[in-house]
Amino acid sequence: MKATLSRSLSVGLLVTGTILGPATTAQATPAQSGPVNAVQSAPTDAGKRVLAHDYQRQPNSYFCAPAATRIALSTQGKILSQQQVANKLGTTKAGTSSANETTRVLNDVTGGGYETTEINGPTAQAQQVAKLRADVVEAIDAKRGVVANITGTAVDTEGAAHTYPEGHYLTIIGYRNGGETLQIADPYARDGHYWMSDQKVADWVAERGYSS
């Protein structure tokens, strides 16, 4: 299968760090398996679809990429430990370098199909939001969880703010309203799952990238 590809919308270097003091999320606790969400065979709620996945919280501040990548792999029935994924990613206490690494490992374990998309600038442009929406819908329809490398603060559909000033990785495991609203499986958040608009997710990814 093809190796990791890059389909950048603009040129730039992705960087990431460890999580330091998220404003509205709980501190990481030892990894715990959560309930597996079932794929809806007959999508409702304006095309709602959520992939079956095995959720675990990250055990420390720097395992967000291994945890998020592991959740994405589980949507295709690939169940690895977070440590196994961390070893493949080259994760250290400084974190995981970029979305290119998550794309590489996702392709290595699943046999291919993932590409990296970068979004530069402080906010996403309209065409970049549209591309993210289309990429997520395509990936979810193919039963591939999407891993996003984000930074800063974004507010979900319930009005809760999620703040990661030093960067973070999370998994997109569903969509509704044609992809205008995305479901996040966040390995560091207090409740684990929440919905967020495609615009806010794209702005969150800005200056970094995602694997889809």
N, C-alpha and C. Protein backbone atom coordinates (compact mmCIF):
# COMPACT_ATOMS: atom_id res chain seq x y z
N MET A 1 0.85 -1.18 0.00
CA MET A 1 0.00 0.00 0.00
C MET A 1 0.89 1.24 0.00
N LYS A 2 0.30 2.40 -0.31
CA LYS A 2 1.10 3.60 -0.39
C LYS A 2 1.57 4.03 0.99
N ALA A 3 2.70 4.72 1.03
CA ALA A 3 3.24 5.20 2.29
C ALA A 3 2.50 6.45 2.71
N THR A 4 2.87 7.00 3.86
CA THR A 4 2.24 8.21 4.35
C THR A 4 2.33 9.31 3.32
N LEU A 5 1.20 9.93 2.99
CA LEU A 5 1.15 11.01 2.04
C LEU A 5 0.85 12.29 2.77
N SER A 6 1.09 13.43 2.13
CA SER A 6 0.73 14.71 2.69
C SER A 6 -0.14 15.44 1.68
N ARG A 7 -1.32 15.89 2.09
CA ARG A 7 -2.15 16.66 1.19
C ARG A 7 -2.38 18.02 1.82
N SER A 8 -1.31 18.80 1.95
CA SER A 8 -1.33 20.07 2.65
C SER A 8 -2.17 21.09 1.91
N LEU A 9 -2.87 21.92 2.68
CA LEU A 9 -3.57 23.05 2.11
C LEU A 9 -2.65 24.27 2.09
N SER A 10 -1.58 24.25 2.86
CA SER A 10 -0.56 25.26 2.83
C SER A 10 0.69 24.66 3.43
N VAL A 11 1.81 25.32 3.23
CA VAL A 11 3.07 24.73 3.64
C VAL A 11 3.43 25.19 5.04
N GLY A 12 3.89 24.27 5.87
CA GLY A 12 4.31 24.65 7.21
C GLY A 12 4.68 23.45 8.02
N LEU A 13 5.34 23.67 9.13
CA LEU A 13 5.79 22.60 10.00
C LEU A 13 4.79 22.40 11.13
N LEU A 14 4.40 21.15 11.37
CA LEU A 14 3.54 20.83 12.49
C LEU A 14 4.38 20.62 13.73
N VAL A 15 3.97 21.19 14.82
CA VAL A 15 4.67 20.98 16.08
C VAL A 15 3.67 20.65 17.15
N THR A 16 4.13 19.96 18.16
CA THR A 16 3.23 19.64 19.27
C THR A 16 4.02 19.51 20.54
N GLY A 17 3.33 19.54 21.66
CA GLY A 17 3.99 19.39 22.95
C GLY A 17 3.13 18.55 23.86
N THR A 18 3.49 18.51 25.10
CA THR A 18 2.69 17.78 26.06
C THR A 18 1.57 18.67 26.57
N ILE A 19 0.60 18.06 27.25
CA ILE A 19 -0.53 18.81 27.77
C ILE A 19 -0.16 19.38 29.12
N LEU A 20 -0.34 20.69 29.28
CA LEU A 20 -0.04 21.33 30.54
C LEU A 20 -1.27 22.10 31.01
N GLY A 21 -1.96 21.55 31.99
CA GLY A 21 -3.03 22.28 32.64
C GLY A 21 -4.20 22.68 31.78
N PRO A 22 -4.93 21.74 31.12
CA PRO A 22 -6.12 22.13 30.37
C PRO A 22 -7.11 22.81 31.29
N ALA A 23 -7.76 23.88 30.78
CA ALA A 23 -8.58 24.73 31.64
C ALA A 23 -9.85 24.06 32.11
N THR A 24 -10.48 23.25 31.25
CA THR A 24 -11.79 22.72 31.63
C THR A 24 -11.86 21.21 31.52
N THR A 25 -10.73 20.54 31.52
CA THR A 25 -10.74 19.09 31.46
C THR A 25 -10.07 18.52 32.69
N ALA A 26 -10.42 17.28 33.03
CA ALA A 26 -9.84 16.65 34.20
C ALA A 26 -8.43 16.20 33.92
N GLN A 27 -7.64 16.08 34.96
CA GLN A 27 -6.31 15.54 34.80
C GLN A 27 -6.40 14.09 34.34
N ALA A 28 -5.42 13.67 33.57
CA ALA A 28 -5.43 12.31 33.06
C ALA A 28 -5.36 11.32 34.20
N THR A 29 -6.06 10.21 34.05
CA THR A 29 -6.03 9.13 35.01
C THR A 29 -5.60 7.87 34.29
N PRO A 30 -5.25 6.80 35.01
CA PRO A 30 -4.85 5.56 34.34
C PRO A 30 -5.88 5.13 33.31
N ALA A 31 -5.39 4.60 32.19
CA ALA A 31 -6.25 4.24 31.07
C ALA A 31 -7.38 3.32 31.51
N GLN A 32 -8.57 3.63 31.04
CA GLN A 32 -9.74 2.83 31.33
C GLN A 32 -10.50 2.59 30.04
N SER A 33 -10.96 1.38 29.83
CA SER A 33 -11.78 1.10 28.67
C SER A 33 -13.18 1.61 28.93
N GLY A 34 -13.75 2.28 27.94
CA GLY A 34 -15.11 2.77 28.07
C GLY A 34 -16.04 1.94 27.23
N PRO A 35 -17.32 2.22 27.29
CA PRO A 35 -18.28 1.49 26.49
C PRO A 35 -18.02 1.69 25.01
N VAL A 36 -18.22 0.66 24.23
CA VAL A 36 -18.00 0.73 22.80
C VAL A 36 -19.28 1.22 22.13
N ASN A 37 -19.16 2.30 21.37
CA ASN A 37 -20.31 2.85 20.68
C ASN A 37 -20.57 2.06 19.41
N ALA A 38 -21.81 1.71 19.16
CA ALA A 38 -22.14 0.90 17.99
C ALA A 38 -22.37 1.76 16.76
N VAL A 39 -21.96 1.26 15.60
CA VAL A 39 -22.26 1.92 14.34
C VAL A 39 -23.75 1.83 14.10
N GLN A 40 -24.35 2.91 13.70
CA GLN A 40 -25.78 2.89 13.42
C GLN A 40 -26.00 2.38 12.00
N SER A 41 -26.68 1.26 11.86
CA SER A 41 -26.89 0.66 10.55
C SER A 41 -27.86 1.48 9.71
N ALA A 42 -28.77 2.19 10.39
CA ALA A 42 -29.71 3.05 9.68
C ALA A 42 -29.55 4.45 10.24
N PRO A 43 -28.60 5.24 9.68
CA PRO A 43 -28.29 6.55 10.25
C PRO A 43 -29.52 7.44 10.36
N THR A 44 -29.62 8.15 11.48
CA THR A 44 -30.71 9.10 11.69
C THR A 44 -30.11 10.45 12.03
N ASP A 45 -30.96 11.38 12.49
CA ASP A 45 -30.49 12.70 12.89
C ASP A 45 -29.68 13.35 11.77
N ALA A 46 -30.32 13.48 10.61
CA ALA A 46 -29.70 14.12 9.45
C ALA A 46 -28.38 13.45 9.07
N GLY A 47 -28.40 12.13 8.96
CA GLY A 47 -27.22 11.40 8.51
C GLY A 47 -26.21 11.12 9.60
N LYS A 48 -26.65 11.04 10.83
CA LYS A 48 -25.74 10.77 11.94
C LYS A 48 -25.11 9.39 11.80
N ARG A 49 -23.80 9.34 12.03
CA ARG A 49 -23.09 8.05 12.03
C ARG A 49 -21.95 8.11 13.02
N VAL A 50 -21.89 7.14 13.91
CA VAL A 50 -20.83 7.05 14.91
C VAL A 50 -20.21 5.66 14.83
N LEU A 51 -18.90 5.60 14.71
CA LEU A 51 -18.22 4.32 14.58
C LEU A 51 -18.08 3.60 15.91
N ALA A 52 -18.19 2.28 15.87
CA ALA A 52 -17.84 1.46 17.02
C ALA A 52 -16.36 1.66 17.32
N HIS A 53 -16.03 1.83 18.57
CA HIS A 53 -14.63 2.07 18.94
C HIS A 53 -14.40 1.69 20.39
N ASP A 54 -13.14 1.46 20.71
CA ASP A 54 -12.75 1.11 22.07
C ASP A 54 -12.06 2.32 22.68
N TYR A 55 -12.74 3.01 23.59
CA TYR A 55 -12.23 4.23 24.19
C TYR A 55 -11.38 3.94 25.42
N GLN A 56 -10.24 4.60 25.48
CA GLN A 56 -9.41 4.59 26.68
C GLN A 56 -8.90 6.00 26.94
N ARG A 57 -8.80 6.37 28.21
CA ARG A 57 -8.16 7.63 28.57
C ARG A 57 -6.65 7.45 28.55
N GLN A 58 -5.95 8.52 28.28
CA GLN A 58 -4.49 8.46 28.32
C GLN A 58 -4.02 8.41 29.77
N PRO A 59 -2.94 7.69 30.05
CA PRO A 59 -2.49 7.49 31.43
C PRO A 59 -1.60 8.61 31.96
N ASN A 60 -1.17 9.53 31.09
CA ASN A 60 -0.29 10.61 31.52
C ASN A 60 -0.47 11.80 30.58
N SER A 61 0.28 12.86 30.80
CA SER A 61 0.08 14.09 30.03
C SER A 61 0.61 14.02 28.60
N TYR A 62 1.48 13.06 28.28
CA TYR A 62 2.12 13.05 26.97
C TYR A 62 1.70 11.87 26.08
N PHE A 63 0.75 11.06 26.52
CA PHE A 63 0.31 9.92 25.73
C PHE A 63 -0.96 10.22 24.93
N CYS A 64 -1.24 11.49 24.65
CA CYS A 64 -2.47 11.80 23.91
C CYS A 64 -2.44 11.21 22.50
N ALA A 65 -1.30 11.29 21.80
CA ALA A 65 -1.22 10.73 20.45
C ALA A 65 -1.38 9.21 20.45
N PRO A 66 -0.67 8.48 21.33
CA PRO A 66 -0.90 7.03 21.38
C PRO A 66 -2.34 6.68 21.71
N ALA A 67 -2.96 7.40 22.64
CA ALA A 67 -4.34 7.10 23.02
C ALA A 67 -5.30 7.39 21.87
N ALA A 68 -5.14 8.55 21.22
CA ALA A 68 -6.03 8.92 20.12
C ALA A 68 -5.84 8.00 18.92
N THR A 69 -4.59 7.65 18.63
CA THR A 69 -4.32 6.74 17.51
C THR A 69 -4.88 5.36 17.81
N ARG A 70 -4.75 4.92 19.05
CA ARG A 70 -5.31 3.63 19.44
C ARG A 70 -6.82 3.59 19.25
N ILE A 71 -7.52 4.67 19.63
CA ILE A 71 -8.97 4.73 19.43
C ILE A 71 -9.30 4.63 17.95
N ALA A 72 -8.56 5.36 17.11
CA ALA A 72 -8.80 5.31 15.67
C ALA A 72 -8.57 3.90 15.12
N LEU A 73 -7.51 3.25 15.57
CA LEU A 73 -7.23 1.89 15.11
C LEU A 73 -8.35 0.93 15.51
N SER A 74 -8.94 1.16 16.68
CA SER A 74 -10.00 0.25 17.15
C SER A 74 -11.25 0.32 16.28
N THR A 75 -11.45 1.41 15.54
CA THR A 75 -12.62 1.50 14.64
C THR A 75 -12.51 0.50 13.50
N GLN A 76 -11.29 -0.01 13.26
CA GLN A 76 -11.08 -1.03 12.24
C GLN A 76 -10.75 -2.39 12.87
N GLY A 77 -11.05 -2.52 14.16
CA GLY A 77 -10.84 -3.80 14.83
C GLY A 77 -9.41 -4.08 15.19
N LYS A 78 -8.54 -3.07 15.12
CA LYS A 78 -7.13 -3.24 15.48
C LYS A 78 -6.94 -2.79 16.93
N ILE A 79 -6.78 -3.73 17.84
CA ILE A 79 -6.68 -3.41 19.25
C ILE A 79 -5.24 -3.60 19.73
N LEU A 80 -4.58 -2.49 19.99
CA LEU A 80 -3.22 -2.48 20.50
C LEU A 80 -3.23 -1.76 21.85
N SER A 81 -2.18 -1.94 22.63
CA SER A 81 -2.06 -1.18 23.86
C SER A 81 -1.54 0.21 23.52
N GLN A 82 -1.76 1.16 24.44
CA GLN A 82 -1.23 2.49 24.22
C GLN A 82 0.29 2.48 24.15
N GLN A 83 0.92 1.63 24.92
CA GLN A 83 2.38 1.56 24.90
C GLN A 83 2.88 1.04 23.55
N GLN A 84 2.18 0.05 22.98
CA GLN A 84 2.57 -0.44 21.66
C GLN A 84 2.48 0.66 20.62
N VAL A 85 1.40 1.44 20.69
CA VAL A 85 1.23 2.54 19.73
C VAL A 85 2.28 3.62 19.97
N ALA A 86 2.57 3.91 21.23
CA ALA A 86 3.59 4.92 21.55
C ALA A 86 4.95 4.52 21.00
N ASN A 87 5.27 3.24 21.10
CA ASN A 87 6.55 2.77 20.56
C ASN A 87 6.62 2.99 19.06
N LYS A 88 5.52 2.74 18.37
CA LYS A 88 5.48 2.93 16.91
C LYS A 88 5.57 4.41 16.54
N LEU A 89 4.93 5.26 17.35
CA LEU A 89 4.92 6.71 17.08
C LEU A 89 6.23 7.39 17.43
N GLY A 90 7.03 6.77 18.28
CA GLY A 90 8.23 7.42 18.77
C GLY A 90 7.92 8.47 19.82
N THR A 91 6.83 8.27 20.55
CA THR A 91 6.40 9.22 21.57
C THR A 91 7.40 9.25 22.73
N THR A 92 7.71 10.47 23.20
CA THR A 92 8.56 10.66 24.37
C THR A 92 7.81 11.55 25.37
N LYS A 93 8.46 11.91 26.45
CA LYS A 93 7.84 12.80 27.42
C LYS A 93 7.60 14.19 26.84
N ALA A 94 8.24 14.47 25.70
CA ALA A 94 8.01 15.74 25.01
C ALA A 94 6.80 15.67 24.09
N GLY A 95 6.20 14.49 23.96
CA GLY A 95 5.03 14.33 23.11
C GLY A 95 5.32 13.57 21.83
N THR A 96 4.48 13.82 20.82
CA THR A 96 4.60 13.18 19.49
C THR A 96 4.72 14.29 18.46
N SER A 97 5.63 14.16 17.54
CA SER A 97 6.07 15.31 16.73
C SER A 97 5.01 15.95 15.86
N SER A 98 4.18 15.15 15.15
CA SER A 98 3.21 15.76 14.24
C SER A 98 2.20 14.73 13.76
N ALA A 99 1.19 15.22 13.02
CA ALA A 99 0.19 14.34 12.42
C ALA A 99 0.80 13.41 11.40
N ASN A 100 1.96 13.75 10.87
CA ASN A 100 2.62 12.83 9.94
C ASN A 100 2.95 11.50 10.62
N GLU A 101 3.27 11.55 11.91
CA GLU A 101 3.58 10.32 12.64
C GLU A 101 2.32 9.48 12.86
N THR A 102 1.20 10.12 13.21
CA THR A 102 -0.03 9.35 13.40
C THR A 102 -0.48 8.74 12.08
N THR A 103 -0.33 9.47 10.98
CA THR A 103 -0.68 8.93 9.67
C THR A 103 0.18 7.72 9.33
N ARG A 104 1.47 7.83 9.59
CA ARG A 104 2.39 6.73 9.29
C ARG A 104 2.00 5.47 10.05
N VAL A 105 1.71 5.60 11.33
CA VAL A 105 1.39 4.44 12.15
C VAL A 105 0.01 3.87 11.77
N LEU A 106 -0.95 4.73 11.52
CA LEU A 106 -2.27 4.25 11.09
C LEU A 106 -2.15 3.44 9.81
N ASN A 107 -1.37 3.91 8.87
CA ASN A 107 -1.17 3.17 7.62
C ASN A 107 -0.41 1.87 7.84
N ASP A 108 0.58 1.92 8.72
CA ASP A 108 1.39 0.73 8.99
C ASP A 108 0.54 -0.39 9.59
N VAL A 109 -0.35 -0.04 10.50
CA VAL A 109 -1.15 -1.06 11.19
C VAL A 109 -2.35 -1.51 10.36
N THR A 110 -2.96 -0.59 9.62
CA THR A 110 -4.20 -0.94 8.89
C THR A 110 -3.97 -1.34 7.45
N GLY A 111 -2.78 -1.08 6.91
CA GLY A 111 -2.51 -1.42 5.52
C GLY A 111 -2.66 -0.27 4.56
N GLY A 112 -2.98 0.91 5.06
CA GLY A 112 -3.03 2.09 4.18
C GLY A 112 -4.40 2.74 4.13
N GLY A 113 -4.45 3.89 3.46
CA GLY A 113 -5.70 4.62 3.29
C GLY A 113 -5.70 5.98 3.96
N TYR A 114 -4.76 6.22 4.87
CA TYR A 114 -4.70 7.49 5.59
C TYR A 114 -3.74 8.47 4.91
N GLU A 115 -4.09 9.74 4.95
CA GLU A 115 -3.22 10.82 4.49
C GLU A 115 -3.23 11.95 5.51
N THR A 116 -2.21 12.78 5.46
CA THR A 116 -2.11 13.92 6.36
C THR A 116 -2.56 15.19 5.65
N THR A 117 -3.38 15.98 6.31
CA THR A 117 -3.77 17.30 5.81
C THR A 117 -3.34 18.33 6.83
N GLU A 118 -2.61 19.35 6.39
CA GLU A 118 -2.16 20.43 7.25
C GLU A 118 -3.01 21.67 7.03
N ILE A 119 -3.28 22.40 8.10
CA ILE A 119 -3.98 23.68 8.00
C ILE A 119 -3.10 24.72 8.68
N ASN A 120 -2.60 25.68 7.91
CA ASN A 120 -1.74 26.72 8.49
C ASN A 120 -2.54 27.98 8.75
N GLY A 121 -1.97 28.87 9.52
CA GLY A 121 -2.64 30.10 9.86
C GLY A 121 -3.40 29.96 11.16
N PRO A 122 -3.78 31.08 11.78
CA PRO A 122 -4.45 31.05 13.09
C PRO A 122 -5.86 30.50 13.05
N THR A 123 -6.53 30.60 11.90
CA THR A 123 -7.88 30.06 11.73
C THR A 123 -7.98 29.38 10.37
N ALA A 124 -8.96 28.49 10.23
CA ALA A 124 -9.15 27.77 8.98
C ALA A 124 -9.98 28.61 8.00
N GLN A 125 -9.62 28.56 6.74
CA GLN A 125 -10.39 29.22 5.69
C GLN A 125 -11.59 28.35 5.31
N ALA A 126 -12.55 28.95 4.61
CA ALA A 126 -13.79 28.24 4.26
C ALA A 126 -13.51 26.95 3.51
N GLN A 127 -12.57 26.99 2.56
CA GLN A 127 -12.27 25.79 1.78
C GLN A 127 -11.60 24.72 2.62
N GLN A 128 -10.88 25.14 3.65
CA GLN A 128 -10.23 24.19 4.54
C GLN A 128 -11.25 23.52 5.46
N VAL A 129 -12.26 24.28 5.89
CA VAL A 129 -13.34 23.70 6.68
C VAL A 129 -14.11 22.69 5.84
N ALA A 130 -14.39 23.06 4.59
CA ALA A 130 -15.13 22.16 3.70
C ALA A 130 -14.34 20.88 3.44
N LYS A 131 -13.02 21.02 3.31
CA LYS A 131 -12.19 19.84 3.08
C LYS A 131 -12.16 18.93 4.29
N LEU A 132 -12.03 19.53 5.48
CA LEU A 132 -12.06 18.72 6.70
C LEU A 132 -13.38 17.97 6.79
N ARG A 133 -14.49 18.65 6.54
CA ARG A 133 -15.80 18.00 6.60
C ARG A 133 -15.87 16.83 5.63
N ALA A 134 -15.45 17.06 4.38
CA ALA A 134 -15.49 16.00 3.37
C ALA A 134 -14.56 14.85 3.74
N ASP A 135 -13.38 15.16 4.24
CA ASP A 135 -12.42 14.12 4.62
C ASP A 135 -12.96 13.27 5.76
N VAL A 136 -13.59 13.91 6.75
CA VAL A 136 -14.12 13.16 7.88
C VAL A 136 -15.27 12.26 7.44
N VAL A 137 -16.19 12.79 6.65
CA VAL A 137 -17.31 11.97 6.18
C VAL A 137 -16.80 10.78 5.38
N GLU A 138 -15.83 11.02 4.49
CA GLU A 138 -15.27 9.93 3.69
C GLU A 138 -14.62 8.87 4.59
N ALA A 139 -13.85 9.32 5.58
CA ALA A 139 -13.17 8.39 6.46
C ALA A 139 -14.15 7.61 7.33
N ILE A 140 -15.11 8.29 7.93
CA ILE A 140 -16.07 7.61 8.80
C ILE A 140 -16.91 6.62 7.99
N ASP A 141 -17.30 7.00 6.79
CA ASP A 141 -18.07 6.08 5.94
C ASP A 141 -17.25 4.84 5.59
N ALA A 142 -15.92 4.97 5.57
CA ALA A 142 -15.03 3.84 5.32
C ALA A 142 -14.60 3.15 6.62
N LYS A 143 -15.23 3.55 7.74
CA LYS A 143 -14.95 2.99 9.07
C LYS A 143 -13.51 3.24 9.51
N ARG A 144 -13.03 4.46 9.21
CA ARG A 144 -11.71 4.88 9.67
C ARG A 144 -11.86 6.06 10.62
N GLY A 145 -11.43 5.90 11.87
CA GLY A 145 -11.40 7.03 12.78
C GLY A 145 -10.34 8.02 12.33
N VAL A 146 -10.57 9.29 12.58
CA VAL A 146 -9.66 10.36 12.18
C VAL A 146 -8.92 10.87 13.41
N VAL A 147 -7.61 11.06 13.29
CA VAL A 147 -6.82 11.60 14.40
C VAL A 147 -6.45 13.04 14.08
N ALA A 148 -6.78 13.96 14.99
CA ALA A 148 -6.49 15.38 14.79
C ALA A 148 -5.50 15.88 15.82
N ASN A 149 -4.52 16.65 15.35
CA ASN A 149 -3.55 17.32 16.22
C ASN A 149 -4.02 18.76 16.37
N ILE A 150 -4.39 19.17 17.59
CA ILE A 150 -5.02 20.47 17.79
C ILE A 150 -4.23 21.29 18.82
N THR A 151 -4.60 22.57 18.91
CA THR A 151 -4.02 23.43 19.93
C THR A 151 -4.97 24.58 20.23
N GLY A 152 -4.94 25.05 21.48
CA GLY A 152 -5.78 26.17 21.85
C GLY A 152 -7.09 25.74 22.48
N THR A 153 -8.12 26.59 22.32
CA THR A 153 -9.41 26.38 22.96
C THR A 153 -10.52 26.27 21.92
N ALA A 154 -11.44 25.35 22.13
CA ALA A 154 -12.63 25.22 21.28
C ALA A 154 -13.81 24.87 22.17
N VAL A 155 -15.01 25.31 21.75
CA VAL A 155 -16.22 25.12 22.54
C VAL A 155 -17.12 24.12 21.84
N ASP A 156 -17.60 23.11 22.58
CA ASP A 156 -18.44 22.08 21.97
C ASP A 156 -19.90 22.54 21.88
N THR A 157 -20.76 21.67 21.36
CA THR A 157 -22.15 22.05 21.13
C THR A 157 -22.94 22.26 22.41
N GLU A 158 -22.41 21.78 23.55
CA GLU A 158 -23.07 21.98 24.84
C GLU A 158 -22.56 23.23 25.55
N GLY A 159 -21.64 23.94 24.89
CA GLY A 159 -21.11 25.16 25.48
C GLY A 159 -19.91 24.97 26.38
N ALA A 160 -19.37 23.75 26.45
CA ALA A 160 -18.19 23.48 27.27
C ALA A 160 -16.92 23.79 26.49
N ALA A 161 -16.01 24.51 27.13
CA ALA A 161 -14.73 24.85 26.50
C ALA A 161 -13.69 23.77 26.80
N HIS A 162 -12.89 23.46 25.81
CA HIS A 162 -11.81 22.47 25.95
C HIS A 162 -10.51 23.17 25.57
N THR A 163 -9.60 23.28 26.51
CA THR A 163 -8.40 24.10 26.32
C THR A 163 -7.13 23.27 26.42
N TYR A 164 -6.31 23.34 25.36
CA TYR A 164 -5.02 22.64 25.31
C TYR A 164 -3.96 23.59 24.77
N PRO A 165 -3.45 24.48 25.59
CA PRO A 165 -2.51 25.51 25.10
C PRO A 165 -1.21 24.96 24.56
N GLU A 166 -0.79 23.78 25.00
CA GLU A 166 0.47 23.20 24.53
C GLU A 166 0.26 22.15 23.45
N GLY A 167 -1.01 21.95 23.02
CA GLY A 167 -1.29 20.98 21.97
C GLY A 167 -1.83 19.67 22.50
N HIS A 168 -2.48 18.93 21.62
CA HIS A 168 -3.17 17.71 22.02
C HIS A 168 -3.52 16.91 20.77
N TYR A 169 -3.77 15.61 20.94
CA TYR A 169 -4.31 14.76 19.89
C TYR A 169 -5.63 14.17 20.38
N LEU A 170 -6.58 14.07 19.47
CA LEU A 170 -7.87 13.46 19.78
C LEU A 170 -8.40 12.76 18.53
N THR A 171 -9.50 12.03 18.69
CA THR A 171 -10.03 11.22 17.60
C THR A 171 -11.43 11.69 17.22
N ILE A 172 -11.69 11.78 15.92
CA ILE A 172 -13.03 12.06 15.42
C ILE A 172 -13.63 10.72 15.01
N ILE A 173 -14.75 10.33 15.65
CA ILE A 173 -15.30 9.00 15.42
C ILE A 173 -16.74 9.03 14.90
N GLY A 174 -17.24 10.22 14.56
CA GLY A 174 -18.60 10.27 14.04
C GLY A 174 -18.95 11.64 13.48
N TYR A 175 -20.10 11.70 12.81
CA TYR A 175 -20.60 12.98 12.29
C TYR A 175 -22.12 12.96 12.22
N ARG A 176 -22.71 14.14 12.09
CA ARG A 176 -24.13 14.29 11.84
C ARG A 176 -24.32 15.56 11.00
N ASN A 177 -25.53 15.76 10.51
CA ASN A 177 -25.82 16.94 9.68
C ASN A 177 -24.86 17.05 8.50
N GLY A 178 -24.60 15.90 7.86
CA GLY A 178 -23.74 15.91 6.69
C GLY A 178 -22.29 16.21 6.98
N GLY A 179 -21.89 16.10 8.24
CA GLY A 179 -20.51 16.38 8.61
C GLY A 179 -20.32 17.77 9.17
N GLU A 180 -21.40 18.55 9.30
CA GLU A 180 -21.28 19.89 9.88
C GLU A 180 -21.03 19.84 11.39
N THR A 181 -21.38 18.72 12.01
CA THR A 181 -21.12 18.51 13.42
C THR A 181 -20.38 17.19 13.58
N LEU A 182 -19.30 17.19 14.34
CA LEU A 182 -18.42 16.03 14.45
C LEU A 182 -18.37 15.53 15.89
N GLN A 183 -18.32 14.21 16.06
CA GLN A 183 -18.18 13.67 17.40
C GLN A 183 -16.72 13.39 17.71
N ILE A 184 -16.29 13.89 18.87
CA ILE A 184 -14.91 13.76 19.31
C ILE A 184 -14.81 12.71 20.41
N ALA A 185 -13.82 11.84 20.30
CA ALA A 185 -13.42 10.96 21.41
C ALA A 185 -12.10 11.53 21.91
N ASP A 186 -12.16 12.20 23.05
CA ASP A 186 -11.01 12.92 23.59
C ASP A 186 -10.41 12.12 24.74
N PRO A 187 -9.18 11.62 24.60
CA PRO A 187 -8.60 10.77 25.63
C PRO A 187 -8.21 11.50 26.91
N TYR A 188 -8.38 12.83 26.95
CA TYR A 188 -8.02 13.60 28.15
C TYR A 188 -9.21 14.29 28.80
N ALA A 189 -10.34 14.39 28.08
CA ALA A 189 -11.50 15.13 28.59
C ALA A 189 -12.20 14.39 29.72
N ARG A 190 -12.88 15.14 30.56
CA ARG A 190 -13.55 14.57 31.71
C ARG A 190 -14.58 13.52 31.30
N ASP A 191 -15.43 13.85 30.32
CA ASP A 191 -16.50 12.95 29.91
C ASP A 191 -16.14 12.09 28.69
N GLY A 192 -15.02 12.37 28.06
CA GLY A 192 -14.54 11.51 26.98
C GLY A 192 -15.06 11.83 25.60
N HIS A 193 -16.36 12.10 25.48
CA HIS A 193 -16.97 12.31 24.17
C HIS A 193 -17.78 13.60 24.16
N TYR A 194 -17.75 14.30 23.04
CA TYR A 194 -18.57 15.49 22.86
C TYR A 194 -18.70 15.79 21.35
N TRP A 195 -19.68 16.63 21.01
CA TRP A 195 -19.91 17.05 19.63
C TRP A 195 -19.39 18.47 19.44
N MET A 196 -18.89 18.77 18.24
CA MET A 196 -18.36 20.10 17.95
C MET A 196 -18.56 20.40 16.46
N SER A 197 -18.78 21.66 16.13
CA SER A 197 -18.99 22.03 14.73
C SER A 197 -17.71 21.85 13.92
N ASP A 198 -17.87 21.61 12.61
CA ASP A 198 -16.70 21.43 11.75
C ASP A 198 -15.83 22.68 11.71
N GLN A 199 -16.46 23.87 11.77
CA GLN A 199 -15.69 25.11 11.78
C GLN A 199 -14.78 25.19 13.00
N LYS A 200 -15.31 24.87 14.16
CA LYS A 200 -14.51 24.95 15.39
C LYS A 200 -13.42 23.90 15.42
N VAL A 201 -13.72 22.70 14.90
CA VAL A 201 -12.67 21.67 14.84
C VAL A 201 -11.56 22.11 13.89
N ALA A 202 -11.94 22.65 12.73
CA ALA A 202 -10.93 23.10 11.76
C ALA A 202 -10.07 24.21 12.34
N ASP A 203 -10.69 25.16 13.05
CA ASP A 203 -9.90 26.22 13.69
C ASP A 203 -8.99 25.65 14.77
N TRP A 204 -9.43 24.63 15.44
CA TRP A 204 -8.63 23.96 16.47
C TRP A 204 -7.40 23.29 15.85
N VAL A 205 -7.58 22.73 14.65
CA VAL A 205 -6.49 22.06 13.95
C VAL A 205 -5.52 23.06 13.33
N ALA A 206 -5.98 24.30 13.11
CA ALA A 206 -5.16 25.30 12.44
C ALA A 206 -3.76 25.39 13.05
N GLU A 207 -2.77 25.47 12.17
CA GLU A 207 -1.34 25.46 12.49
C GLU A 207 -0.81 24.06 12.77
N ARG A 208 -1.67 23.07 12.63
CA ARG A 208 -1.26 21.67 12.81
C ARG A 208 -1.87 20.84 11.69
N GLY A 209 -2.37 19.63 12.00
CA GLY A 209 -2.89 18.79 10.93
C GLY A 209 -3.69 17.62 11.45
N TYR A 210 -4.24 16.84 10.51
CA TYR A 210 -5.02 15.67 10.90
C TYR A 210 -4.76 14.51 9.95
N SER A 211 -5.01 13.29 10.45
CA SER A 211 -4.83 12.06 9.67
C SER A 211 -6.20 11.49 9.35
N SER A 212 -6.53 11.37 8.07
CA SER A 212 -7.84 10.86 7.68
C SER A 212 -7.75 9.91 6.49
